[in-house]
Every structure is written in structure tokens, then in C-alpha cells.
């Protein structure tokens, strides 16, 4: 089972505006297992506030993101390219609702969050689904970008 990873630095985040930083669309034939994800902010002053970071399955794709090719992490399966469609830094949220039963975290603009899931508890994203990391800054969020990424098994 090959392992892949994608990361990005977001555009400057706008107050109270939801921003899909990363989306993985699974192929129609198989799902994926998310084993690690992260979201780190570059805020250097404490005058900035927190952001809501939501991860999980969404009901539809974002169509305004930039397509990227995932990096291969497990070099033991050199010939296998990722079967997922991956996009970063959406310019508009588009369709797709978030299921609030998934993970939601409040993260300060001067901090970050990284979660490494043990194999038995890793996110199982079914075939033809959309896994997304979405950020919604609250209050003052001046000049802040985020480093966002995900590692998964196909």
C-alpha cells in the first residue's frame, strides 16, 4: 500500500471567510486512509485571534482549487502514482457541506496543529468522496497564511 503526501502554503486568509486549503478526491474504485494532517499558522503577534480548522468528508468537490501531484512517500512501490485527485488553495468555497460530526479545532494564529493517527484509528475515506481541510479565521487575522498538509495511504 503506497503512501502519499501533499502540502501547501495558503493565500492570506480573510476574516470569517471559509477557505478550503486542501482537498483529496478519492478514486471511484477505492478509498484512502488518512494517517496524518497538519495546519500551522505564521502569526507572530498575539493580537491576532483564532481560526476554526475543520477536517473531514465533504459532500461535493471544490472546483476552484489548483491541481497538484501528490509526493510519493513510500519508495518501495516506485511505479505507482496516486489515483487521487488533489487540489489546494481554492479561490471560492463552492458546493459541498461539512459534516460537523467530523473534527473541528480552534487554533491560535501563532500556533498550529498536527495529528498523526494510529493505524487502527486513521480516517477511512470511501471511494468517490472528498476529504478536505478547511480554515475559517475569526476576529483579527491580519496578514496570516497557513502551512497545511496531509499524508494518506491508498
C-alpha atoms as a PDB file:
ATOM      1  CA  UNK A   1       0.000   0.000   0.000  1.00  0.00           C
ATOM      2  CA  UNK A   2       1.746   3.167  -1.180  1.00  0.00           C
ATOM      3  CA  UNK A   3       1.862   6.320   0.938  1.00  0.00           C
ATOM      4  CA  UNK A   4       1.435   9.851  -0.479  1.00  0.00           C
ATOM      5  CA  UNK A   5       1.667  13.373   0.894  1.00  0.00           C
ATOM      6  CA  UNK A   6       0.709  16.891  -0.200  1.00  0.00           C
ATOM      7  CA  UNK A   7       1.273  20.242   1.488  1.00  0.00           C
ATOM      8  CA  UNK A   8       0.744  23.883   0.598  1.00  0.00           C
ATOM      9  CA  UNK A   9       1.146  27.418   1.885  1.00  0.00           C
ATOM     10  CA  UNK A  10      -2.213  29.194   1.646  1.00  0.00           C
ATOM     11  CA  UNK A  11      -3.030  32.649   0.388  1.00  0.00           C
ATOM     12  CA  UNK A  12      -3.559  35.318   3.044  1.00  0.00           C
ATOM     13  CA  UNK A  13      -6.653  34.316   4.992  1.00  0.00           C
ATOM     14  CA  UNK A  14      -9.644  36.665   5.289  1.00  0.00           C
ATOM     15  CA  UNK A  15     -11.625  37.169   8.493  1.00  0.00           C
ATOM     16  CA  UNK A  16     -14.743  34.981   8.824  1.00  0.00           C
ATOM     17  CA  UNK A  17     -14.280  33.529   5.327  1.00  0.00           C
ATOM     18  CA  UNK A  18     -14.140  29.748   4.941  1.00  0.00           C
ATOM     19  CA  UNK A  19     -11.119  28.657   2.915  1.00  0.00           C
ATOM     20  CA  UNK A  20     -10.531  25.153   1.561  1.00  0.00           C
ATOM     21  CA  UNK A  21      -6.771  24.799   1.802  1.00  0.00           C
ATOM     22  CA  UNK A  22      -6.523  21.172   0.654  1.00  0.00           C
ATOM     23  CA  UNK A  23      -8.890  18.629  -0.870  1.00  0.00           C
ATOM     24  CA  UNK A  24      -8.392  14.982  -1.799  1.00  0.00           C
ATOM     25  CA  UNK A  25     -10.939  13.299  -4.067  1.00  0.00           C
ATOM     26  CA  UNK A  26     -10.697   9.544  -3.799  1.00  0.00           C
ATOM     27  CA  UNK A  27     -10.940   7.432  -6.968  1.00  0.00           C
ATOM     28  CA  UNK A  28     -14.175   5.643  -7.830  1.00  0.00           C
ATOM     29  CA  UNK A  29     -12.565   2.256  -7.279  1.00  0.00           C
ATOM     30  CA  UNK A  30     -11.095   2.625  -3.791  1.00  0.00           C
ATOM     31  CA  UNK A  31     -10.933   4.776  -0.687  1.00  0.00           C
ATOM     32  CA  UNK A  32      -7.946   6.084   1.260  1.00  0.00           C
ATOM     33  CA  UNK A  33      -6.737   6.079   4.842  1.00  0.00           C
ATOM     34  CA  UNK A  34      -5.598   9.494   6.171  1.00  0.00           C
ATOM     35  CA  UNK A  35      -2.728   8.916   8.572  1.00  0.00           C
ATOM     36  CA  UNK A  36      -1.503  12.463   9.265  1.00  0.00           C
ATOM     37  CA  UNK A  37      -2.683  16.031   8.696  1.00  0.00           C
ATOM     38  CA  UNK A  38      -1.500  19.437   9.830  1.00  0.00           C
ATOM     39  CA  UNK A  39      -2.342  23.141   9.860  1.00  0.00           C
ATOM     40  CA  UNK A  40       0.191  25.688  11.124  1.00  0.00           C
ATOM     41  CA  UNK A  41      -0.215  29.477  11.116  1.00  0.00           C
ATOM     42  CA  UNK A  42       2.522  32.091  10.706  1.00  0.00           C
ATOM     43  CA  UNK A  43       1.008  34.715  13.018  1.00  0.00           C
ATOM     44  CA  UNK A  44       3.776  36.340  15.019  1.00  0.00           C
ATOM     45  CA  UNK A  45       1.765  38.656  17.234  1.00  0.00           C
ATOM     46  CA  UNK A  46      -0.726  37.770  19.910  1.00  0.00           C
ATOM     47  CA  UNK A  47      -3.113  40.482  18.680  1.00  0.00           C
ATOM     48  CA  UNK A  48      -4.459  38.063  16.077  1.00  0.00           C
ATOM     49  CA  UNK A  49      -7.255  35.686  17.083  1.00  0.00           C
ATOM     50  CA  UNK A  50      -8.085  32.023  16.493  1.00  0.00           C
ATOM     51  CA  UNK A  51      -9.190  30.088  13.432  1.00  0.00           C
ATOM     52  CA  UNK A  52     -11.646  27.235  13.117  1.00  0.00           C
ATOM     53  CA  UNK A  53      -9.936  24.290  11.396  1.00  0.00           C
ATOM     54  CA  UNK A  54     -12.318  21.641  10.059  1.00  0.00           C
ATOM     55  CA  UNK A  55     -11.261  18.325   8.576  1.00  0.00           C
ATOM     56  CA  UNK A  56     -13.365  15.525   7.241  1.00  0.00           C
ATOM     57  CA  UNK A  57     -15.574  14.403   4.442  1.00  0.00           C
ATOM     58  CA  UNK A  58     -17.491  16.972   2.416  1.00  0.00           C
ATOM     59  CA  UNK A  59     -20.492  16.328   0.180  1.00  0.00           C
ATOM     60  CA  UNK A  60     -19.064  17.764  -3.065  1.00  0.00           C
ATOM     61  CA  UNK A  61     -15.826  18.929  -4.660  1.00  0.00           C
ATOM     62  CA  UNK A  62     -14.345  22.399  -4.689  1.00  0.00           C
ATOM     63  CA  UNK A  63     -13.917  23.322  -8.346  1.00  0.00           C
ATOM     64  CA  UNK A  64     -11.729  26.418  -7.956  1.00  0.00           C
ATOM     65  CA  UNK A  65      -8.591  24.868  -6.488  1.00  0.00           C
ATOM     66  CA  UNK A  66      -5.189  24.281  -8.083  1.00  0.00           C
ATOM     67  CA  UNK A  67      -4.449  20.666  -9.031  1.00  0.00           C
ATOM     68  CA  UNK A  68      -1.232  19.204  -7.605  1.00  0.00           C
ATOM     69  CA  UNK A  69       0.550  15.872  -7.909  1.00  0.00           C
ATOM     70  CA  UNK A  70       0.989  14.194  -4.523  1.00  0.00           C
ATOM     71  CA  UNK A  71       4.518  13.339  -3.400  1.00  0.00           C
ATOM     72  CA  UNK A  72       5.382   9.663  -3.069  1.00  0.00           C
ATOM     73  CA  UNK A  73       6.444   8.865   0.499  1.00  0.00           C
ATOM     74  CA  UNK A  74       6.848   5.084   0.294  1.00  0.00           C
ATOM     75  CA  UNK A  75       9.572   4.473  -2.292  1.00  0.00           C
ATOM     76  CA  UNK A  76       9.075   0.704  -2.064  1.00  0.00           C
ATOM     77  CA  UNK A  77       6.298   0.974  -4.675  1.00  0.00           C
ATOM     78  CA  UNK A  78       8.087   3.247  -7.163  1.00  0.00           C
ATOM     79  CA  UNK A  79       5.849   2.540 -10.135  1.00  0.00           C
ATOM     80  CA  UNK A  80       2.558   3.541  -8.524  1.00  0.00           C
ATOM     81  CA  UNK A  81       1.246   7.068  -8.980  1.00  0.00           C
ATOM     82  CA  UNK A  82      -1.516   8.315  -6.704  1.00  0.00           C
ATOM     83  CA  UNK A  83      -5.009   7.604  -8.006  1.00  0.00           C
ATOM     84  CA  UNK A  84      -6.466  10.567  -6.088  1.00  0.00           C
ATOM     85  CA  UNK A  85      -7.285  13.984  -7.495  1.00  0.00           C
ATOM     86  CA  UNK A  86      -5.687  16.556  -5.197  1.00  0.00           C
ATOM     87  CA  UNK A  87      -6.251  20.308  -5.162  1.00  0.00           C
ATOM     88  CA  UNK A  88      -5.013  23.161  -2.979  1.00  0.00           C
ATOM     89  CA  UNK A  89      -5.885  26.787  -2.255  1.00  0.00           C
ATOM     90  CA  UNK A  90      -9.449  27.155  -3.506  1.00  0.00           C
ATOM     91  CA  UNK A  91     -10.399  30.630  -4.691  1.00  0.00           C
ATOM     92  CA  UNK A  92     -14.062  30.054  -3.726  1.00  0.00           C
ATOM     93  CA  UNK A  93     -15.657  27.528  -1.389  1.00  0.00           C
ATOM     94  CA  UNK A  94     -18.163  26.244  -3.915  1.00  0.00           C
ATOM     95  CA  UNK A  95     -20.520  23.352  -3.256  1.00  0.00           C
ATOM     96  CA  UNK A  96     -20.189  20.791  -0.508  1.00  0.00           C
ATOM     97  CA  UNK A  97     -21.283  20.910   3.094  1.00  0.00           C
ATOM     98  CA  UNK A  98     -19.194  19.941   6.099  1.00  0.00           C
ATOM     99  CA  UNK A  99     -20.471  17.264   8.445  1.00  0.00           C
ATOM    100  CA  UNK A 100     -19.971  18.801  11.915  1.00  0.00           C
ATOM    101  CA  UNK A 101     -19.581  15.329  13.410  1.00  0.00           C
ATOM    102  CA  UNK A 102     -16.046  15.252  11.981  1.00  0.00           C
ATOM    103  CA  UNK A 103     -13.075  17.039  13.580  1.00  0.00           C
ATOM    104  CA  UNK A 104     -13.192  20.738  14.362  1.00  0.00           C
ATOM    105  CA  UNK A 105     -10.406  22.558  16.217  1.00  0.00           C
ATOM    106  CA  UNK A 106      -9.841  26.133  17.359  1.00  0.00           C
ATOM    107  CA  UNK A 107      -6.222  27.040  16.663  1.00  0.00           C
ATOM    108  CA  UNK A 108      -4.448  30.321  17.585  1.00  0.00           C
ATOM    109  CA  UNK A 109      -2.866  32.259  14.717  1.00  0.00           C
ATOM    110  CA  UNK A 110       0.515  31.933  16.469  1.00  0.00           C
ATOM    111  CA  UNK A 111       0.341  28.154  16.675  1.00  0.00           C
ATOM    112  CA  UNK A 112      -0.516  25.013  14.756  1.00  0.00           C
ATOM    113  CA  UNK A 113      -1.927  21.530  14.978  1.00  0.00           C
ATOM    114  CA  UNK A 114      -0.580  18.228  13.712  1.00  0.00           C
ATOM    115  CA  UNK A 115      -2.380  14.932  14.161  1.00  0.00           C
ATOM    116  CA  UNK A 116      -0.808  11.577  13.473  1.00  0.00           C
ATOM    117  CA  UNK A 117      -3.471   8.913  13.630  1.00  0.00           C
ATOM    118  CA  UNK A 118      -2.574   5.386  14.765  1.00  0.00           C
ATOM    119  CA  UNK A 119      -3.352   2.820  12.080  1.00  0.00           C
ATOM    120  CA  UNK A 120      -6.441   1.471  13.830  1.00  0.00           C
ATOM    121  CA  UNK A 121      -7.966   4.972  14.152  1.00  0.00           C
ATOM    122  CA  UNK A 122      -6.922   6.550  10.852  1.00  0.00           C
ATOM    123  CA  UNK A 123      -9.586   8.348   8.834  1.00  0.00           C
ATOM    124  CA  UNK A 124     -11.234   5.977   6.349  1.00  0.00           C
ATOM    125  CA  UNK A 125     -12.420   7.999   3.357  1.00  0.00           C
ATOM    126  CA  UNK A 126     -14.586   5.911   0.986  1.00  0.00           C
ATOM    127  CA  UNK A 127     -14.348   5.752  -2.813  1.00  0.00           C
ATOM    128  CA  UNK A 128     -15.677   8.782  -4.753  1.00  0.00           C
ATOM    129  CA  UNK A 129     -15.508  11.032  -1.674  1.00  0.00           C
ATOM    130  CA  UNK A 130     -13.995  14.402  -0.825  1.00  0.00           C
ATOM    131  CA  UNK A 131     -11.663  14.851   2.147  1.00  0.00           C
ATOM    132  CA  UNK A 132     -10.934  18.475   2.944  1.00  0.00           C
ATOM    133  CA  UNK A 133      -9.033  20.720   5.339  1.00  0.00           C
ATOM    134  CA  UNK A 134     -10.946  23.998   5.678  1.00  0.00           C
ATOM    135  CA  UNK A 135      -9.928  27.079   7.677  1.00  0.00           C
ATOM    136  CA  UNK A 136     -12.217  29.878   8.868  1.00  0.00           C
ATOM    137  CA  UNK A 137     -10.374  32.731  10.639  1.00  0.00           C
ATOM    138  CA  UNK A 138     -12.239  34.606  13.345  1.00  0.00           C
ATOM    139  CA  UNK A 139     -11.744  38.130  14.648  1.00  0.00           C
ATOM    140  CA  UNK A 140      -8.460  39.805  13.754  1.00  0.00           C
ATOM    141  CA  UNK A 141      -6.414  37.711  11.350  1.00  0.00           C
ATOM    142  CA  UNK A 142      -4.153  40.216   9.664  1.00  0.00           C
ATOM    143  CA  UNK A 143      -1.602  39.021   7.090  1.00  0.00           C
ATOM    144  CA  UNK A 144      -1.763  35.362   8.173  1.00  0.00           C
ATOM    145  CA  UNK A 145      -1.104  32.365   5.934  1.00  0.00           C
ATOM    146  CA  UNK A 146      -1.127  28.686   6.883  1.00  0.00           C
ATOM    147  CA  UNK A 147       1.017  25.650   6.120  1.00  0.00           C
ATOM    148  CA  UNK A 148      -1.436  22.805   5.517  1.00  0.00           C
ATOM    149  CA  UNK A 149      -0.869  19.212   4.514  1.00  0.00           C
ATOM    150  CA  UNK A 150      -1.949  15.590   4.605  1.00  0.00           C
ATOM    151  CA  UNK A 151      -0.394  12.124   4.348  1.00  0.00           C
ATOM    152  CA  UNK A 152      -2.508   9.158   3.269  1.00  0.00           C
ATOM    153  CA  UNK A 153      -2.404   5.508   2.204  1.00  0.00           C
ATOM    154  CA  UNK A 154      -4.105   4.262  -0.945  1.00  0.00           C
END
